[in-house]
N, C-alpha and C. Protein backbone atom coordinates (compact mmCIF):
# COMPACT_ATOMS: atom_id res chain seq x y z
N MET A 1 79.58 109.74 112.63
CA MET A 1 80.93 109.32 112.28
C MET A 1 81.17 109.73 110.83
N LYS A 2 82.32 110.36 110.61
CA LYS A 2 82.73 110.77 109.27
C LYS A 2 84.07 110.11 108.97
N ILE A 3 84.09 109.33 107.88
CA ILE A 3 85.26 108.52 107.54
C ILE A 3 85.75 108.88 106.14
N LEU A 4 87.06 109.03 106.00
CA LEU A 4 87.67 109.33 104.71
C LEU A 4 88.62 108.19 104.34
N MET A 5 88.43 107.64 103.15
CA MET A 5 89.32 106.61 102.60
C MET A 5 90.33 107.30 101.68
N VAL A 6 91.62 106.96 101.83
CA VAL A 6 92.65 107.66 101.05
C VAL A 6 93.62 106.66 100.42
N CYS A 7 93.84 106.84 99.11
CA CYS A 7 94.88 106.08 98.40
C CYS A 7 95.73 107.08 97.62
N LEU A 8 96.44 106.64 96.64
CA LEU A 8 97.33 107.53 95.89
C LEU A 8 96.57 108.41 94.90
N GLY A 9 95.84 107.79 93.99
CA GLY A 9 95.20 108.56 92.92
C GLY A 9 93.72 108.78 93.06
N ASN A 10 93.09 108.09 94.01
CA ASN A 10 91.64 108.19 94.24
C ASN A 10 90.83 107.73 93.03
N ILE A 11 91.34 106.67 92.36
CA ILE A 11 90.54 106.09 91.28
C ILE A 11 90.36 104.57 91.43
N CYS A 12 91.16 103.91 92.26
CA CYS A 12 91.04 102.45 92.40
C CYS A 12 90.61 102.03 93.81
N ARG A 13 91.54 102.11 94.75
CA ARG A 13 91.30 101.55 96.08
C ARG A 13 90.34 102.38 96.92
N SER A 14 90.60 103.67 97.06
CA SER A 14 89.76 104.47 97.97
C SER A 14 88.32 104.64 97.47
N PRO A 15 88.07 104.80 96.16
CA PRO A 15 86.67 104.86 95.74
C PRO A 15 85.94 103.53 95.99
N LEU A 16 86.65 102.43 95.80
CA LEU A 16 86.05 101.12 96.06
C LEU A 16 85.76 100.96 97.55
N ALA A 17 86.71 101.36 98.40
CA ALA A 17 86.49 101.30 99.85
C ALA A 17 85.32 102.19 100.26
N GLU A 18 85.23 103.38 99.67
CA GLU A 18 84.11 104.28 99.95
C GLU A 18 82.79 103.60 99.59
N GLY A 19 82.73 103.03 98.40
CA GLY A 19 81.50 102.38 97.95
C GLY A 19 81.10 101.21 98.82
N ILE A 20 82.07 100.37 99.19
CA ILE A 20 81.80 99.21 100.04
C ILE A 20 81.27 99.66 101.39
N LEU A 21 81.97 100.61 102.02
CA LEU A 21 81.54 101.06 103.35
C LEU A 21 80.18 101.75 103.28
N LYS A 22 79.96 102.57 102.26
CA LYS A 22 78.65 103.22 102.11
C LYS A 22 77.52 102.20 101.99
N SER A 23 77.76 101.14 101.24
CA SER A 23 76.70 100.13 101.06
C SER A 23 76.40 99.44 102.39
N LYS A 24 77.41 99.19 103.20
CA LYS A 24 77.20 98.56 104.50
C LYS A 24 76.48 99.52 105.45
N ILE A 25 76.84 100.78 105.40
CA ILE A 25 76.20 101.80 106.24
C ILE A 25 74.72 101.94 105.90
N GLU A 26 74.44 101.95 104.59
CA GLU A 26 73.04 102.06 104.15
C GLU A 26 72.22 100.87 104.62
N ARG A 27 72.77 99.66 104.53
CA ARG A 27 72.05 98.46 105.00
C ARG A 27 71.75 98.53 106.48
N GLU A 28 72.65 99.14 107.24
CA GLU A 28 72.48 99.25 108.70
C GLU A 28 71.72 100.52 109.11
N SER A 29 71.41 101.36 108.13
CA SER A 29 70.72 102.65 108.38
C SER A 29 71.46 103.51 109.39
N LEU A 30 72.77 103.57 109.25
CA LEU A 30 73.58 104.39 110.14
C LEU A 30 73.73 105.80 109.57
N ASP A 31 73.84 106.76 110.44
CA ASP A 31 74.00 108.16 110.01
C ASP A 31 75.48 108.50 109.97
N TRP A 32 76.20 107.85 109.08
CA TRP A 32 77.63 108.06 108.91
C TRP A 32 77.88 108.65 107.52
N THR A 33 78.99 109.34 107.39
CA THR A 33 79.41 109.91 106.12
C THR A 33 80.72 109.25 105.71
N VAL A 34 80.83 108.90 104.43
CA VAL A 34 82.06 108.33 103.90
C VAL A 34 82.43 109.08 102.62
N ASP A 35 83.70 109.36 102.48
CA ASP A 35 84.20 110.01 101.27
C ASP A 35 85.55 109.37 100.96
N SER A 36 86.15 109.78 99.85
CA SER A 36 87.48 109.28 99.52
C SER A 36 88.29 110.39 98.86
N ALA A 37 89.60 110.20 98.89
CA ALA A 37 90.53 111.19 98.33
C ALA A 37 91.83 110.48 97.97
N GLY A 38 92.66 111.19 97.23
CA GLY A 38 93.99 110.68 96.88
C GLY A 38 95.05 111.64 97.39
N THR A 39 96.23 111.11 97.65
CA THR A 39 97.31 111.98 98.10
C THR A 39 97.92 112.74 96.93
N SER A 40 97.71 112.26 95.71
CA SER A 40 98.23 112.95 94.53
C SER A 40 97.11 113.74 93.85
N SER A 41 97.49 114.56 92.91
CA SER A 41 96.52 115.36 92.15
C SER A 41 96.30 114.82 90.74
N TRP A 42 96.78 113.62 90.48
CA TRP A 42 96.78 113.08 89.12
C TRP A 42 95.40 112.88 88.52
N HIS A 43 94.40 112.55 89.33
CA HIS A 43 93.10 112.14 88.77
C HIS A 43 91.93 112.98 89.29
N ILE A 44 92.19 114.23 89.61
CA ILE A 44 91.13 115.10 90.11
C ILE A 44 89.99 115.17 89.10
N GLU A 45 88.78 114.99 89.61
CA GLU A 45 87.52 115.02 88.84
C GLU A 45 87.31 113.83 87.91
N GLU A 46 88.21 112.85 87.91
CA GLU A 46 88.02 111.67 87.09
C GLU A 46 87.11 110.67 87.79
N ILE A 47 86.41 109.85 87.00
CA ILE A 47 85.62 108.77 87.57
C ILE A 47 86.57 107.66 88.02
N PRO A 48 86.10 106.75 88.88
CA PRO A 48 86.96 105.64 89.29
C PRO A 48 87.41 104.80 88.09
N HIS A 49 88.48 104.06 88.30
CA HIS A 49 89.03 103.15 87.30
C HIS A 49 87.96 102.15 86.87
N LYS A 50 87.97 101.76 85.60
CA LYS A 50 86.95 100.83 85.07
C LYS A 50 86.96 99.49 85.82
N GLY A 51 88.11 99.07 86.32
CA GLY A 51 88.19 97.82 87.09
C GLY A 51 87.50 97.94 88.44
N SER A 52 87.64 99.09 89.09
CA SER A 52 86.95 99.32 90.37
C SER A 52 85.44 99.42 90.15
N ILE A 53 85.06 100.11 89.08
CA ILE A 53 83.63 100.22 88.76
C ILE A 53 83.03 98.84 88.50
N ALA A 54 83.75 98.01 87.74
CA ALA A 54 83.25 96.68 87.37
C ALA A 54 83.11 95.77 88.58
N ILE A 55 84.14 95.71 89.45
CA ILE A 55 84.06 94.80 90.61
C ILE A 55 83.00 95.30 91.60
N ALA A 56 82.86 96.61 91.72
CA ALA A 56 81.80 97.15 92.58
C ALA A 56 80.44 96.74 92.03
N LYS A 57 80.25 96.90 90.73
CA LYS A 57 78.96 96.56 90.09
C LYS A 57 78.65 95.07 90.27
N GLU A 58 79.67 94.21 90.13
CA GLU A 58 79.47 92.77 90.34
C GLU A 58 78.94 92.47 91.73
N ASN A 59 79.23 93.36 92.67
CA ASN A 59 78.81 93.17 94.05
C ASN A 59 77.65 94.08 94.44
N GLY A 60 76.96 94.61 93.43
CA GLY A 60 75.76 95.41 93.68
C GLY A 60 76.01 96.81 94.17
N ILE A 61 77.19 97.36 93.89
CA ILE A 61 77.55 98.69 94.35
C ILE A 61 77.85 99.58 93.15
N ASP A 62 77.28 100.77 93.13
CA ASP A 62 77.51 101.71 92.04
C ASP A 62 78.42 102.84 92.54
N ILE A 63 79.62 102.94 91.95
CA ILE A 63 80.55 104.00 92.35
C ILE A 63 80.78 105.00 91.22
N THR A 64 79.95 104.96 90.20
CA THR A 64 80.16 105.81 89.02
C THR A 64 79.92 107.29 89.28
N ASN A 65 79.25 107.61 90.39
CA ASN A 65 79.00 109.03 90.69
C ASN A 65 80.18 109.67 91.43
N GLN A 66 81.17 108.89 91.83
CA GLN A 66 82.33 109.43 92.54
C GLN A 66 83.28 110.13 91.56
N ARG A 67 83.97 111.14 92.06
CA ARG A 67 84.98 111.84 91.28
C ARG A 67 86.24 112.00 92.14
N GLY A 68 87.38 111.83 91.50
CA GLY A 68 88.64 111.93 92.21
C GLY A 68 88.88 113.33 92.76
N ARG A 69 89.47 113.35 93.94
CA ARG A 69 89.87 114.61 94.55
C ARG A 69 91.14 114.38 95.36
N GLN A 70 91.85 115.46 95.63
CA GLN A 70 93.09 115.36 96.39
C GLN A 70 92.83 115.61 97.87
N PHE A 71 93.53 114.86 98.72
CA PHE A 71 93.46 115.06 100.16
C PHE A 71 93.88 116.48 100.48
N SER A 72 93.20 117.08 101.44
CA SER A 72 93.48 118.46 101.86
C SER A 72 93.63 118.52 103.37
N VAL A 73 94.38 119.48 103.86
CA VAL A 73 94.51 119.65 105.31
C VAL A 73 93.15 119.92 105.96
N ARG A 74 92.20 120.45 105.21
CA ARG A 74 90.84 120.66 105.74
C ARG A 74 90.17 119.35 106.12
N ASP A 75 90.62 118.26 105.48
CA ASP A 75 90.03 116.95 105.78
C ASP A 75 90.26 116.54 107.23
N PHE A 76 91.33 117.01 107.85
CA PHE A 76 91.55 116.71 109.26
C PHE A 76 90.44 117.27 110.13
N GLU A 77 89.90 118.42 109.75
CA GLU A 77 88.81 119.04 110.51
C GLU A 77 87.47 118.39 110.20
N GLU A 78 87.31 117.97 108.96
CA GLU A 78 86.03 117.44 108.47
C GLU A 78 85.75 116.00 108.91
N PHE A 79 86.80 115.17 109.03
CA PHE A 79 86.61 113.74 109.25
C PHE A 79 87.10 113.30 110.63
N ASP A 80 86.39 112.29 111.17
CA ASP A 80 86.75 111.70 112.47
C ASP A 80 87.84 110.65 112.32
N LEU A 81 87.83 109.97 111.17
CA LEU A 81 88.75 108.87 110.92
C LEU A 81 89.22 108.94 109.47
N ILE A 82 90.53 108.86 109.27
CA ILE A 82 91.12 108.92 107.94
C ILE A 82 91.89 107.61 107.74
N LEU A 83 91.45 106.82 106.76
CA LEU A 83 92.00 105.49 106.56
C LEU A 83 92.84 105.41 105.29
N ALA A 84 94.11 105.16 105.47
CA ALA A 84 95.06 105.08 104.36
C ALA A 84 95.15 103.64 103.85
N MET A 85 95.40 103.51 102.56
CA MET A 85 95.49 102.20 101.94
C MET A 85 96.87 101.57 102.08
N ASP A 86 97.92 102.38 102.25
CA ASP A 86 99.26 101.83 102.42
C ASP A 86 100.12 102.80 103.22
N SER A 87 101.32 102.36 103.57
CA SER A 87 102.19 103.16 104.45
C SER A 87 102.64 104.46 103.78
N GLU A 88 102.80 104.45 102.47
CA GLU A 88 103.19 105.69 101.79
C GLU A 88 102.06 106.72 101.88
N ASN A 89 100.83 106.27 101.64
CA ASN A 89 99.68 107.18 101.80
C ASN A 89 99.62 107.69 103.23
N TYR A 90 99.80 106.77 104.18
CA TYR A 90 99.77 107.13 105.60
C TYR A 90 100.78 108.23 105.90
N GLN A 91 102.02 108.04 105.46
CA GLN A 91 103.07 109.03 105.72
C GLN A 91 102.77 110.37 105.04
N ASN A 92 102.26 110.33 103.82
CA ASN A 92 101.91 111.56 103.13
C ASN A 92 100.81 112.33 103.85
N ILE A 93 99.89 111.62 104.46
CA ILE A 93 98.79 112.27 105.19
C ILE A 93 99.29 112.85 106.51
N VAL A 94 99.97 112.04 107.32
CA VAL A 94 100.38 112.52 108.65
C VAL A 94 101.39 113.66 108.56
N GLN A 95 102.13 113.75 107.46
CA GLN A 95 103.05 114.88 107.29
C GLN A 95 102.31 116.21 107.21
N LEU A 96 101.04 116.15 106.84
CA LEU A 96 100.24 117.37 106.74
C LEU A 96 99.52 117.73 108.04
N ALA A 97 99.55 116.82 109.01
CA ALA A 97 98.86 117.07 110.28
C ALA A 97 99.56 118.19 111.04
N LYS A 98 98.75 119.07 111.64
CA LYS A 98 99.34 120.19 112.38
C LYS A 98 99.66 119.83 113.83
N ASP A 99 99.07 118.72 114.33
CA ASP A 99 99.32 118.31 115.71
C ASP A 99 98.96 116.83 115.89
N LYS A 100 99.20 116.33 117.10
CA LYS A 100 98.95 114.92 117.41
C LYS A 100 97.46 114.58 117.34
N LEU A 101 96.59 115.53 117.65
CA LEU A 101 95.15 115.28 117.58
C LEU A 101 94.72 114.96 116.16
N GLN A 102 95.33 115.61 115.19
CA GLN A 102 95.03 115.29 113.80
C GLN A 102 95.71 113.99 113.38
N GLU A 103 96.94 113.83 113.81
CA GLU A 103 97.70 112.65 113.41
C GLU A 103 97.05 111.35 113.87
N VAL A 104 96.45 111.33 115.06
CA VAL A 104 95.85 110.09 115.57
C VAL A 104 94.56 109.72 114.84
N LYS A 105 94.05 110.59 114.02
CA LYS A 105 92.88 110.26 113.20
C LYS A 105 93.24 109.35 112.03
N VAL A 106 94.52 109.22 111.72
CA VAL A 106 94.97 108.50 110.54
C VAL A 106 95.39 107.07 110.93
N GLU A 107 94.83 106.10 110.20
CA GLU A 107 95.15 104.70 110.43
C GLU A 107 95.26 103.98 109.09
N LEU A 108 95.88 102.82 109.10
CA LEU A 108 95.90 101.96 107.92
C LEU A 108 94.64 101.10 107.93
N LEU A 109 93.91 101.11 106.84
CA LEU A 109 92.62 100.41 106.77
C LEU A 109 92.75 98.92 107.05
N LEU A 110 93.77 98.26 106.51
CA LEU A 110 93.84 96.81 106.68
C LEU A 110 94.16 96.37 108.10
N ASN A 111 94.49 97.30 108.98
CA ASN A 111 94.64 96.92 110.39
C ASN A 111 93.29 96.52 110.99
N TYR A 112 92.20 96.88 110.32
CA TYR A 112 90.88 96.42 110.76
C TYR A 112 90.61 94.99 110.31
N ALA A 113 91.30 94.53 109.30
CA ALA A 113 91.17 93.14 108.85
C ALA A 113 92.24 92.26 109.50
N TYR A 114 93.43 92.82 109.64
CA TYR A 114 94.57 92.09 110.20
C TYR A 114 95.24 92.99 111.24
N PRO A 115 94.71 93.03 112.46
CA PRO A 115 95.19 93.96 113.49
C PRO A 115 96.71 93.93 113.68
N GLY A 116 97.28 95.13 113.69
CA GLY A 116 98.70 95.29 113.95
C GLY A 116 99.62 94.88 112.81
N SER A 117 99.06 94.46 111.69
CA SER A 117 99.90 93.97 110.59
C SER A 117 100.50 95.08 109.75
N ASN A 118 99.85 96.24 109.75
CA ASN A 118 100.27 97.37 108.91
C ASN A 118 100.40 96.97 107.44
N MET A 119 99.53 96.07 107.00
CA MET A 119 99.53 95.61 105.60
C MET A 119 99.00 96.69 104.68
N ALA A 120 99.48 96.66 103.46
CA ALA A 120 99.00 97.57 102.42
C ALA A 120 97.91 96.90 101.61
N VAL A 121 96.95 97.69 101.18
CA VAL A 121 96.00 97.22 100.18
C VAL A 121 96.75 97.29 98.84
N PRO A 122 96.92 96.15 98.17
CA PRO A 122 97.65 96.19 96.88
C PRO A 122 96.95 97.14 95.91
N ASP A 123 97.72 97.82 95.11
CA ASP A 123 97.14 98.77 94.17
C ASP A 123 96.80 98.06 92.87
N PRO A 124 95.50 97.87 92.59
CA PRO A 124 95.12 97.14 91.38
C PRO A 124 95.40 97.90 90.09
N TYR A 125 95.74 99.18 90.21
CA TYR A 125 96.16 99.94 89.03
C TYR A 125 97.39 99.28 88.43
N TYR A 126 98.23 98.70 89.32
CA TYR A 126 99.45 98.03 88.88
C TYR A 126 99.30 96.51 88.82
N THR A 127 98.54 95.93 89.78
CA THR A 127 98.43 94.47 89.84
C THR A 127 97.32 93.93 88.94
N GLY A 128 96.28 94.72 88.71
CA GLY A 128 95.13 94.27 87.92
C GLY A 128 94.18 93.36 88.69
N ASP A 129 94.48 93.07 89.95
CA ASP A 129 93.66 92.13 90.73
C ASP A 129 92.61 92.88 91.56
N PHE A 130 91.55 93.28 90.91
CA PHE A 130 90.50 94.03 91.57
C PHE A 130 89.68 93.14 92.51
N GLN A 131 89.58 91.84 92.22
CA GLN A 131 88.85 90.94 93.11
C GLN A 131 89.55 90.84 94.46
N GLU A 132 90.87 90.66 94.45
CA GLU A 132 91.63 90.58 95.71
C GLU A 132 91.43 91.86 96.52
N VAL A 133 91.51 92.99 95.86
CA VAL A 133 91.36 94.27 96.55
C VAL A 133 89.94 94.40 97.11
N TYR A 134 88.95 94.02 96.32
CA TYR A 134 87.56 94.07 96.81
C TYR A 134 87.42 93.23 98.08
N ASP A 135 87.93 92.00 98.05
CA ASP A 135 87.80 91.10 99.19
C ASP A 135 88.47 91.66 100.44
N LEU A 136 89.67 92.22 100.28
CA LEU A 136 90.38 92.82 101.42
C LEU A 136 89.61 94.01 101.98
N LEU A 137 89.14 94.88 101.09
CA LEU A 137 88.40 96.06 101.53
C LEU A 137 87.08 95.69 102.19
N ASP A 138 86.41 94.69 101.64
CA ASP A 138 85.14 94.26 102.21
C ASP A 138 85.32 93.74 103.63
N LEU A 139 86.34 92.93 103.85
CA LEU A 139 86.63 92.40 105.19
C LEU A 139 86.99 93.54 106.14
N ALA A 140 87.86 94.43 105.72
CA ALA A 140 88.28 95.54 106.58
C ALA A 140 87.08 96.44 106.93
N CYS A 141 86.23 96.72 105.95
CA CYS A 141 85.06 97.59 106.20
C CYS A 141 84.07 96.93 107.14
N ALA A 142 83.87 95.62 107.00
CA ALA A 142 82.97 94.91 107.92
C ALA A 142 83.50 94.95 109.34
N ASN A 143 84.80 94.72 109.51
CA ASN A 143 85.40 94.77 110.85
C ASN A 143 85.41 96.19 111.41
N LEU A 144 85.64 97.16 110.56
CA LEU A 144 85.61 98.57 110.97
C LEU A 144 84.23 98.91 111.53
N MET A 145 83.19 98.54 110.81
CA MET A 145 81.82 98.81 111.29
C MET A 145 81.54 98.12 112.61
N ALA A 146 81.94 96.87 112.72
CA ALA A 146 81.71 96.13 113.97
C ALA A 146 82.41 96.82 115.14
N GLU A 147 83.61 97.30 114.90
CA GLU A 147 84.36 97.95 115.98
C GLU A 147 83.79 99.31 116.35
N LEU A 148 83.35 100.07 115.36
CA LEU A 148 82.87 101.43 115.62
C LEU A 148 81.44 101.49 116.13
N ARG A 149 80.66 100.46 115.86
CA ARG A 149 79.29 100.46 116.36
C ARG A 149 79.32 100.20 117.82
C-alpha cells in the first residue's frame, strides 16, 4: 500500500500526517509507503513547520528529515491512496486526474475519523493549534490502518 498525504503547503498538516502514519506502520511492521506533498509550490524543499516538528517530537515522532514538495500528476501513478486535508486540497488534486480511476484514489483524510463528514483538518499555520491537528490526524490514521488491514 502506498499512501500520499496532501495539504496546501506541505509544511504543517501533511508532514505531520505522514509522520504519524509512518510511526504506526513501523510499529505494525507493515510494508507500506507513506509520503506527503502540497498542492502549492510555496515551500518546496523546506523542512516542516516548527509547530509540526514540536508536536511530533512530543509524541515520539521525528519529522525533521521531511522536505516539502508539490503534488504532481505522477503521484496518481505512484500512490494507491491520496488523502487530502481539506476540500480545497481535494478539488485541486482531482482537477489534475486524467480519468475516474485516478480520481477515486483521492479522499478526505478525516472521513476515516468521522465517516461521511467531509471535515477539514484545520490548518495550524493559521490557527496555531498543533495539538488539535495532531489528535485529529492520529485518530484518522489509526482508523485508516484498521480499515486497510
